[in-house]
């Protein structure tokens, strides 16, 4: 993003595991934290590439804030180790992919402050270890699914 210096330290001639916001374990990317919410500077602009689904060891994916638009790619369902998904304060549109329900390790989903429409897929309600579901400030409608998780402690759906 113009005006953001978040990526200024990225040197594409060196190991990506040394990039700011990229955390690795044994040369596998396990965490991407792109953007700096404390600074209020947007990190990324554009669409999320479906290739995100190839980061099979990813446990945490955060883009906050940003100017990400378009839908969440369905390939996100390939991230079987994902525990934290935070793509909030962006311009994500479309419906919440039902495939999120395939990510049985997910504990936190924060898709707040986007432009999501439709209903919350019942598959999201079936996530066994879900503790935080933050979907406020979107354009969601419809009924709220039943939640199977015994540890759900935060459900934020206001302003939909």
N, C-alpha and C. Protein backbone atom coordinates (compact mmCIF):
# COMPACT_ATOMS: atom_id res chain seq x y z
N UNK A 1 0.84 -1.18 0.00
CA UNK A 1 0.00 0.00 0.00
C UNK A 1 0.88 1.24 0.00
N UNK A 2 0.51 2.25 -0.80
CA UNK A 2 1.21 3.52 -0.71
C UNK A 2 1.06 4.09 0.70
N UNK A 3 2.13 4.63 1.23
CA UNK A 3 2.10 5.21 2.57
C UNK A 3 2.43 4.22 3.67
N UNK A 4 2.55 2.95 3.33
CA UNK A 4 2.89 1.94 4.32
C UNK A 4 4.33 1.50 4.10
N UNK A 5 5.06 1.36 5.19
CA UNK A 5 6.43 0.88 5.06
C UNK A 5 6.59 -0.52 5.65
N UNK A 6 5.46 -1.21 5.84
CA UNK A 6 5.49 -2.53 6.45
C UNK A 6 6.42 -3.49 5.71
N UNK A 7 6.39 -3.44 4.38
CA UNK A 7 7.16 -4.40 3.58
C UNK A 7 8.52 -3.87 3.17
N UNK A 8 8.93 -2.72 3.68
CA UNK A 8 10.21 -2.13 3.27
C UNK A 8 11.40 -2.99 3.67
N UNK A 9 11.24 -3.82 4.69
CA UNK A 9 12.35 -4.67 5.13
C UNK A 9 12.46 -5.97 4.33
N UNK A 10 11.50 -6.24 3.47
CA UNK A 10 11.53 -7.49 2.71
C UNK A 10 12.60 -7.39 1.61
N UNK A 11 13.53 -8.30 1.66
CA UNK A 11 14.61 -8.36 0.67
C UNK A 11 14.43 -9.67 -0.09
N UNK A 12 13.96 -9.57 -1.32
CA UNK A 12 13.61 -10.76 -2.09
C UNK A 12 14.82 -11.55 -2.57
N UNK A 13 16.02 -11.13 -2.17
CA UNK A 13 17.21 -11.92 -2.47
C UNK A 13 17.62 -12.77 -1.27
N UNK A 14 16.86 -12.65 -0.18
CA UNK A 14 17.20 -13.41 1.02
C UNK A 14 16.08 -14.38 1.39
N UNK A 15 16.26 -15.08 2.47
CA UNK A 15 15.32 -16.08 2.96
C UNK A 15 14.01 -15.42 3.39
N UNK A 16 12.87 -15.81 2.82
CA UNK A 16 11.58 -15.21 3.20
C UNK A 16 11.25 -15.41 4.68
N UNK A 17 11.85 -16.41 5.31
CA UNK A 17 11.59 -16.64 6.74
C UNK A 17 12.16 -15.52 7.60
N UNK A 18 12.96 -14.63 7.00
CA UNK A 18 13.49 -13.48 7.72
C UNK A 18 12.67 -12.21 7.47
N UNK A 19 11.63 -12.32 6.64
CA UNK A 19 10.80 -11.15 6.34
C UNK A 19 9.97 -10.77 7.56
N UNK A 20 9.73 -9.50 7.71
CA UNK A 20 8.85 -9.01 8.77
C UNK A 20 7.46 -9.61 8.58
N UNK A 21 6.91 -10.19 9.63
CA UNK A 21 5.56 -10.76 9.58
C UNK A 21 5.49 -12.20 9.11
N UNK A 22 6.63 -12.77 8.73
CA UNK A 22 6.68 -14.16 8.27
C UNK A 22 7.43 -14.97 9.33
N UNK A 23 6.79 -16.00 9.83
CA UNK A 23 7.40 -16.84 10.86
C UNK A 23 7.45 -18.27 10.35
N UNK A 24 8.60 -18.89 10.53
CA UNK A 24 8.83 -20.23 9.99
C UNK A 24 9.28 -21.20 11.08
N UNK A 25 9.08 -22.46 10.77
CA UNK A 25 9.59 -23.55 11.59
C UNK A 25 10.13 -24.59 10.61
N UNK A 26 11.42 -24.84 10.67
CA UNK A 26 12.07 -25.79 9.75
C UNK A 26 11.79 -25.44 8.29
N UNK A 27 11.96 -24.22 7.93
CA UNK A 27 11.78 -23.73 6.55
C UNK A 27 10.34 -23.81 6.05
N UNK A 28 9.39 -24.03 6.91
CA UNK A 28 7.97 -24.03 6.54
C UNK A 28 7.33 -22.78 7.15
N UNK A 29 6.56 -22.06 6.35
CA UNK A 29 5.87 -20.88 6.86
C UNK A 29 4.72 -21.34 7.75
N UNK A 30 4.77 -20.93 9.01
CA UNK A 30 3.70 -21.32 9.94
C UNK A 30 2.81 -20.14 10.31
N UNK A 31 3.28 -18.91 10.06
CA UNK A 31 2.48 -17.75 10.43
C UNK A 31 2.77 -16.59 9.49
N UNK A 32 1.70 -15.97 9.00
CA UNK A 32 1.78 -14.75 8.20
C UNK A 32 0.97 -13.68 8.91
N UNK A 33 1.65 -12.63 9.37
CA UNK A 33 0.98 -11.49 10.00
C UNK A 33 1.34 -10.27 9.17
N UNK A 34 0.47 -9.94 8.22
CA UNK A 34 0.78 -8.92 7.23
C UNK A 34 -0.02 -7.66 7.50
N UNK A 35 0.69 -6.61 7.85
CA UNK A 35 0.08 -5.34 8.22
C UNK A 35 0.34 -5.06 9.68
N UNK A 36 0.15 -3.83 10.07
CA UNK A 36 0.40 -3.45 11.46
C UNK A 36 -0.82 -2.70 11.99
N UNK A 37 -1.71 -3.42 12.68
CA UNK A 37 -2.94 -2.77 13.15
C UNK A 37 -2.68 -1.65 14.14
N UNK A 38 -1.59 -1.72 14.88
CA UNK A 38 -1.30 -0.65 15.85
C UNK A 38 -0.94 0.64 15.14
N UNK A 39 -0.26 0.52 14.00
CA UNK A 39 0.14 1.71 13.25
C UNK A 39 -1.00 2.23 12.39
N UNK A 40 -2.01 1.39 12.19
CA UNK A 40 -3.14 1.80 11.36
C UNK A 40 -2.79 1.90 9.89
N UNK A 41 -1.66 1.32 9.51
CA UNK A 41 -1.27 1.40 8.10
C UNK A 41 -1.62 0.10 7.40
N UNK A 42 -2.26 0.24 6.30
CA UNK A 42 -2.67 -0.94 5.53
C UNK A 42 -1.46 -1.66 4.98
N UNK A 43 -1.48 -2.98 5.08
CA UNK A 43 -0.36 -3.76 4.62
C UNK A 43 -0.48 -4.16 3.16
N UNK A 44 -1.59 -4.72 2.77
CA UNK A 44 -1.74 -5.26 1.43
C UNK A 44 -2.96 -4.68 0.73
N UNK A 45 -2.87 -4.64 -0.58
CA UNK A 45 -4.00 -4.29 -1.41
C UNK A 45 -4.10 -5.32 -2.52
N UNK A 46 -5.31 -5.58 -2.98
CA UNK A 46 -5.52 -6.56 -4.04
C UNK A 46 -6.34 -7.73 -3.56
N UNK A 47 -6.26 -8.82 -4.27
CA UNK A 47 -7.00 -10.04 -3.93
C UNK A 47 -6.08 -11.04 -3.26
N UNK A 48 -6.66 -11.92 -2.46
CA UNK A 48 -5.90 -13.03 -1.91
C UNK A 48 -5.74 -14.08 -2.99
N UNK A 49 -4.53 -14.45 -3.27
CA UNK A 49 -4.25 -15.42 -4.31
C UNK A 49 -4.64 -16.81 -3.83
N UNK A 50 -5.29 -17.60 -4.69
CA UNK A 50 -5.62 -18.98 -4.31
C UNK A 50 -4.41 -19.80 -3.89
N UNK A 51 -3.20 -19.37 -4.27
CA UNK A 51 -1.98 -20.09 -3.90
C UNK A 51 -1.76 -20.09 -2.39
N UNK A 52 -2.49 -19.27 -1.65
CA UNK A 52 -2.39 -19.28 -0.19
C UNK A 52 -2.63 -20.70 0.34
N UNK A 53 -3.43 -21.46 -0.36
CA UNK A 53 -3.75 -22.82 0.05
C UNK A 53 -2.57 -23.78 -0.02
N UNK A 54 -1.47 -23.36 -0.62
CA UNK A 54 -0.28 -24.22 -0.72
C UNK A 54 0.59 -24.14 0.52
N UNK A 55 0.31 -23.20 1.42
CA UNK A 55 1.10 -23.06 2.65
C UNK A 55 0.55 -24.04 3.69
N UNK A 56 0.81 -25.31 3.48
CA UNK A 56 0.17 -26.38 4.24
C UNK A 56 0.50 -26.38 5.73
N UNK A 57 1.57 -25.72 6.15
CA UNK A 57 1.94 -25.69 7.57
C UNK A 57 1.42 -24.45 8.28
N UNK A 58 0.71 -23.60 7.57
CA UNK A 58 0.25 -22.33 8.14
C UNK A 58 -0.72 -22.56 9.29
N UNK A 59 -0.43 -21.95 10.44
CA UNK A 59 -1.31 -22.04 11.60
C UNK A 59 -2.00 -20.71 11.89
N UNK A 60 -1.42 -19.62 11.40
CA UNK A 60 -1.97 -18.29 11.65
C UNK A 60 -1.85 -17.45 10.39
N UNK A 61 -2.95 -16.80 10.01
CA UNK A 61 -2.96 -15.92 8.84
C UNK A 61 -3.72 -14.66 9.20
N UNK A 62 -2.99 -13.54 9.16
CA UNK A 62 -3.58 -12.26 9.53
C UNK A 62 -3.22 -11.21 8.50
N UNK A 63 -4.22 -10.49 8.01
CA UNK A 63 -4.02 -9.31 7.17
C UNK A 63 -4.89 -8.21 7.77
N UNK A 64 -4.27 -7.39 8.62
CA UNK A 64 -5.02 -6.37 9.36
C UNK A 64 -4.18 -5.11 9.47
N UNK A 65 -4.64 -3.95 9.13
CA UNK A 65 -5.71 -3.71 8.16
C UNK A 65 -5.16 -3.85 6.75
N UNK A 66 -6.03 -3.78 5.80
CA UNK A 66 -5.59 -3.89 4.41
C UNK A 66 -6.68 -3.41 3.48
N UNK A 67 -6.40 -3.56 2.23
CA UNK A 67 -7.38 -3.25 1.20
C UNK A 67 -7.56 -4.47 0.31
N UNK A 68 -7.77 -5.60 0.98
CA UNK A 68 -8.00 -6.85 0.28
C UNK A 68 -9.47 -6.86 -0.14
N UNK A 69 -9.71 -7.15 -1.40
CA UNK A 69 -11.09 -7.18 -1.90
C UNK A 69 -11.34 -8.51 -2.59
N UNK A 70 -12.60 -8.74 -2.90
CA UNK A 70 -12.98 -10.00 -3.53
C UNK A 70 -13.24 -11.05 -2.48
N UNK A 71 -13.56 -12.25 -2.91
CA UNK A 71 -13.90 -13.32 -1.95
C UNK A 71 -12.67 -13.95 -1.32
N UNK A 72 -12.90 -14.63 -0.20
CA UNK A 72 -11.85 -15.49 0.36
C UNK A 72 -11.70 -16.67 -0.58
N UNK A 73 -10.49 -17.02 -0.97
CA UNK A 73 -10.34 -18.16 -1.89
C UNK A 73 -10.74 -19.48 -1.23
N UNK A 74 -11.39 -20.33 -2.00
CA UNK A 74 -11.81 -21.63 -1.47
C UNK A 74 -10.63 -22.51 -1.10
N UNK A 75 -9.47 -22.21 -1.66
CA UNK A 75 -8.28 -23.00 -1.36
C UNK A 75 -7.83 -22.82 0.09
N UNK A 76 -8.42 -21.88 0.78
CA UNK A 76 -8.11 -21.71 2.20
C UNK A 76 -8.45 -22.99 2.97
N UNK A 77 -9.33 -23.79 2.39
CA UNK A 77 -9.71 -25.06 3.03
C UNK A 77 -8.57 -26.06 3.04
N UNK A 78 -7.49 -25.80 2.29
CA UNK A 78 -6.32 -26.68 2.29
C UNK A 78 -5.43 -26.46 3.51
N UNK A 79 -5.68 -25.40 4.27
CA UNK A 79 -4.82 -25.05 5.40
C UNK A 79 -5.29 -25.80 6.65
N UNK A 80 -5.10 -27.10 6.66
CA UNK A 80 -5.64 -27.97 7.71
C UNK A 80 -5.08 -27.69 9.10
N UNK A 81 -3.94 -26.99 9.20
CA UNK A 81 -3.35 -26.67 10.50
C UNK A 81 -3.74 -25.28 11.00
N UNK A 82 -4.52 -24.54 10.21
CA UNK A 82 -4.86 -23.16 10.55
C UNK A 82 -5.67 -23.10 11.84
N UNK A 83 -5.17 -22.30 12.80
CA UNK A 83 -5.86 -22.10 14.07
C UNK A 83 -6.44 -20.69 14.19
N UNK A 84 -5.81 -19.72 13.51
CA UNK A 84 -6.23 -18.33 13.62
C UNK A 84 -6.35 -17.73 12.22
N UNK A 85 -7.54 -17.23 11.90
CA UNK A 85 -7.79 -16.55 10.63
C UNK A 85 -8.29 -15.15 10.94
N UNK A 86 -7.50 -14.15 10.62
CA UNK A 86 -7.88 -12.77 10.86
C UNK A 86 -7.67 -11.92 9.62
N UNK A 87 -8.71 -11.82 8.82
CA UNK A 87 -8.67 -10.96 7.64
C UNK A 87 -9.76 -9.92 7.85
N UNK A 88 -9.56 -9.10 8.87
CA UNK A 88 -10.55 -8.09 9.21
C UNK A 88 -10.05 -6.71 8.80
N UNK A 89 -10.99 -5.78 8.78
CA UNK A 89 -10.72 -4.39 8.35
C UNK A 89 -10.15 -4.36 6.94
N UNK A 90 -10.84 -5.05 6.04
CA UNK A 90 -10.51 -5.10 4.63
C UNK A 90 -11.79 -4.86 3.83
N UNK A 91 -11.83 -5.37 2.62
CA UNK A 91 -13.01 -5.22 1.76
C UNK A 91 -13.43 -6.58 1.19
N UNK A 92 -13.25 -7.64 1.99
CA UNK A 92 -13.62 -8.98 1.55
C UNK A 92 -15.13 -9.01 1.28
N UNK A 93 -15.50 -9.57 0.15
CA UNK A 93 -16.91 -9.61 -0.23
C UNK A 93 -17.31 -11.05 -0.56
N UNK A 94 -18.58 -11.21 -0.87
CA UNK A 94 -19.10 -12.53 -1.16
C UNK A 94 -19.52 -13.21 0.13
N UNK A 95 -19.69 -14.50 0.05
CA UNK A 95 -20.15 -15.27 1.20
C UNK A 95 -18.97 -15.91 1.93
N UNK A 96 -19.20 -16.23 3.18
CA UNK A 96 -18.20 -16.97 3.96
C UNK A 96 -18.13 -18.37 3.36
N UNK A 97 -16.96 -18.81 2.94
CA UNK A 97 -16.88 -20.14 2.31
C UNK A 97 -17.29 -21.25 3.27
N UNK A 98 -18.14 -22.13 2.81
CA UNK A 98 -18.54 -23.28 3.63
C UNK A 98 -17.34 -24.15 3.94
N UNK A 99 -16.30 -24.06 3.10
CA UNK A 99 -15.10 -24.87 3.28
C UNK A 99 -14.35 -24.54 4.57
N UNK A 100 -14.63 -23.39 5.18
CA UNK A 100 -13.99 -23.08 6.47
C UNK A 100 -14.29 -24.16 7.49
N UNK A 101 -15.43 -24.81 7.36
CA UNK A 101 -15.81 -25.88 8.27
C UNK A 101 -14.91 -27.10 8.17
N UNK A 102 -14.09 -27.18 7.12
CA UNK A 102 -13.16 -28.29 6.97
C UNK A 102 -11.88 -28.08 7.79
N UNK A 103 -11.71 -26.87 8.31
CA UNK A 103 -10.50 -26.53 9.07
C UNK A 103 -10.73 -26.81 10.54
N UNK A 104 -10.63 -28.07 10.89
CA UNK A 104 -11.01 -28.55 12.22
C UNK A 104 -10.13 -28.00 13.35
N UNK A 105 -9.00 -27.39 13.02
CA UNK A 105 -8.12 -26.81 14.04
C UNK A 105 -8.43 -25.35 14.33
N UNK A 106 -9.31 -24.75 13.54
CA UNK A 106 -9.62 -23.32 13.72
C UNK A 106 -10.15 -23.03 15.11
N UNK A 107 -9.55 -22.04 15.76
CA UNK A 107 -9.99 -21.58 17.08
C UNK A 107 -10.60 -20.19 16.99
N UNK A 108 -10.01 -19.34 16.14
CA UNK A 108 -10.49 -17.96 16.00
C UNK A 108 -10.69 -17.63 14.53
N UNK A 109 -11.86 -17.07 14.24
CA UNK A 109 -12.15 -16.52 12.92
C UNK A 109 -12.56 -15.06 13.14
N UNK A 110 -11.79 -14.15 12.59
CA UNK A 110 -12.14 -12.73 12.66
C UNK A 110 -12.19 -12.19 11.25
N UNK A 111 -13.40 -12.04 10.74
CA UNK A 111 -13.64 -11.48 9.42
C UNK A 111 -14.46 -10.20 9.55
N UNK A 112 -14.30 -9.52 10.66
CA UNK A 112 -15.07 -8.31 10.93
C UNK A 112 -14.65 -7.15 10.03
N UNK A 113 -15.54 -6.19 9.91
CA UNK A 113 -15.29 -4.97 9.13
C UNK A 113 -14.90 -5.29 7.69
N UNK A 114 -15.74 -6.07 7.04
CA UNK A 114 -15.59 -6.39 5.63
C UNK A 114 -16.93 -6.12 4.94
N UNK A 115 -17.17 -6.77 3.84
CA UNK A 115 -18.41 -6.61 3.09
C UNK A 115 -19.03 -7.96 2.78
N UNK A 116 -18.92 -8.89 3.73
CA UNK A 116 -19.44 -10.23 3.54
C UNK A 116 -20.96 -10.23 3.53
N UNK A 117 -21.53 -11.08 2.69
CA UNK A 117 -22.98 -11.19 2.57
C UNK A 117 -23.39 -12.65 2.77
N UNK A 118 -24.69 -12.86 2.79
CA UNK A 118 -25.20 -14.22 2.95
C UNK A 118 -25.31 -14.59 4.41
N UNK A 119 -25.31 -15.88 4.66
CA UNK A 119 -25.47 -16.36 6.03
C UNK A 119 -24.19 -17.03 6.52
N UNK A 120 -24.14 -17.26 7.81
CA UNK A 120 -23.02 -17.98 8.39
C UNK A 120 -23.23 -19.46 8.05
N UNK A 121 -22.29 -20.08 7.37
CA UNK A 121 -22.48 -21.48 6.99
C UNK A 121 -22.58 -22.39 8.23
N UNK A 122 -23.49 -23.34 8.21
CA UNK A 122 -23.59 -24.29 9.32
C UNK A 122 -22.28 -25.02 9.59
N UNK A 123 -21.45 -25.17 8.55
CA UNK A 123 -20.17 -25.85 8.72
C UNK A 123 -19.26 -25.10 9.70
N UNK A 124 -19.38 -23.77 9.75
CA UNK A 124 -18.59 -22.98 10.71
C UNK A 124 -19.05 -23.32 12.13
N UNK A 125 -20.34 -23.50 12.29
CA UNK A 125 -20.88 -23.87 13.59
C UNK A 125 -20.43 -25.25 14.05
N UNK A 126 -19.99 -26.07 13.12
CA UNK A 126 -19.58 -27.43 13.48
C UNK A 126 -18.11 -27.54 13.89
N UNK A 127 -17.38 -26.42 13.87
CA UNK A 127 -15.97 -26.47 14.25
C UNK A 127 -15.85 -26.80 15.74
N UNK A 128 -15.19 -27.90 16.08
CA UNK A 128 -15.21 -28.39 17.45
C UNK A 128 -14.49 -27.52 18.48
N UNK A 129 -13.44 -26.81 18.07
CA UNK A 129 -12.66 -26.04 19.04
C UNK A 129 -12.78 -24.54 18.91
N UNK A 130 -13.79 -24.09 18.16
CA UNK A 130 -13.95 -22.66 17.93
C UNK A 130 -14.17 -21.91 19.24
N UNK A 131 -13.33 -20.92 19.50
CA UNK A 131 -13.46 -20.12 20.72
C UNK A 131 -13.91 -18.70 20.43
N UNK A 132 -13.55 -18.15 19.26
CA UNK A 132 -13.89 -16.78 18.90
C UNK A 132 -14.39 -16.73 17.46
N UNK A 133 -15.58 -16.19 17.29
CA UNK A 133 -16.12 -15.95 15.96
C UNK A 133 -16.55 -14.49 15.91
N UNK A 134 -15.81 -13.70 15.16
CA UNK A 134 -16.03 -12.26 15.11
C UNK A 134 -16.37 -11.89 13.68
N UNK A 135 -17.64 -11.61 13.45
CA UNK A 135 -18.14 -11.30 12.11
C UNK A 135 -18.89 -9.97 12.08
N UNK A 136 -18.65 -9.11 13.05
CA UNK A 136 -19.38 -7.85 13.13
C UNK A 136 -19.02 -6.93 11.96
N UNK A 137 -19.90 -5.99 11.70
CA UNK A 137 -19.70 -4.96 10.67
C UNK A 137 -19.50 -5.57 9.28
N UNK A 138 -20.44 -6.40 8.89
CA UNK A 138 -20.51 -6.96 7.55
C UNK A 138 -21.93 -6.74 7.04
N UNK A 139 -22.35 -7.56 6.11
CA UNK A 139 -23.71 -7.47 5.57
C UNK A 139 -24.36 -8.86 5.61
N UNK A 140 -24.08 -9.59 6.67
CA UNK A 140 -24.60 -10.94 6.82
C UNK A 140 -26.08 -10.92 7.19
N UNK A 141 -26.79 -11.96 6.85
CA UNK A 141 -28.21 -12.07 7.18
C UNK A 141 -28.55 -13.55 7.37
N UNK A 142 -29.76 -13.80 7.77
CA UNK A 142 -30.19 -15.18 7.94
C UNK A 142 -30.04 -15.63 9.38
N UNK A 143 -30.33 -16.88 9.58
CA UNK A 143 -30.30 -17.42 10.95
C UNK A 143 -28.87 -17.77 11.36
N UNK A 144 -28.69 -17.83 12.66
CA UNK A 144 -27.39 -18.17 13.24
C UNK A 144 -27.36 -19.69 13.40
N UNK A 145 -26.29 -20.32 12.92
CA UNK A 145 -26.25 -21.79 13.02
C UNK A 145 -26.04 -22.24 14.47
N UNK A 146 -26.31 -23.49 14.69
CA UNK A 146 -26.03 -24.12 15.98
C UNK A 146 -24.51 -24.29 16.08
N UNK A 147 -23.96 -24.06 17.26
CA UNK A 147 -22.52 -24.19 17.46
C UNK A 147 -22.24 -25.42 18.30
N UNK A 148 -21.38 -26.30 17.78
CA UNK A 148 -21.01 -27.53 18.46
C UNK A 148 -19.91 -27.32 19.50
N UNK A 149 -19.14 -26.25 19.35
CA UNK A 149 -18.00 -26.03 20.23
C UNK A 149 -18.46 -25.78 21.66
N UNK A 150 -17.81 -26.48 22.58
CA UNK A 150 -18.08 -26.27 24.01
C UNK A 150 -17.24 -25.13 24.56
N UNK A 151 -16.31 -24.61 23.74
CA UNK A 151 -15.40 -23.56 24.22
C UNK A 151 -15.65 -22.20 23.57
N UNK A 152 -16.74 -22.05 22.82
CA UNK A 152 -17.04 -20.76 22.20
C UNK A 152 -17.28 -19.73 23.30
N UNK A 153 -16.40 -18.73 23.37
CA UNK A 153 -16.53 -17.72 24.41
C UNK A 153 -16.81 -16.33 23.85
N UNK A 154 -16.61 -16.13 22.56
CA UNK A 154 -16.90 -14.83 21.96
C UNK A 154 -17.59 -15.02 20.63
N UNK A 155 -18.77 -14.47 20.52
CA UNK A 155 -19.55 -14.48 19.29
C UNK A 155 -19.99 -13.05 19.05
N UNK A 156 -19.44 -12.39 18.06
CA UNK A 156 -19.74 -10.98 17.78
C UNK A 156 -20.32 -10.86 16.39
N UNK A 157 -21.62 -10.57 16.33
CA UNK A 157 -22.32 -10.47 15.06
C UNK A 157 -22.99 -9.11 14.87
N UNK A 158 -22.67 -8.15 15.72
CA UNK A 158 -23.38 -6.87 15.66
C UNK A 158 -23.11 -6.15 14.32
N UNK A 159 -24.03 -5.29 13.98
CA UNK A 159 -23.96 -4.45 12.77
C UNK A 159 -23.87 -5.29 11.49
N UNK A 160 -24.83 -6.19 11.34
CA UNK A 160 -25.00 -6.96 10.12
C UNK A 160 -26.40 -6.72 9.61
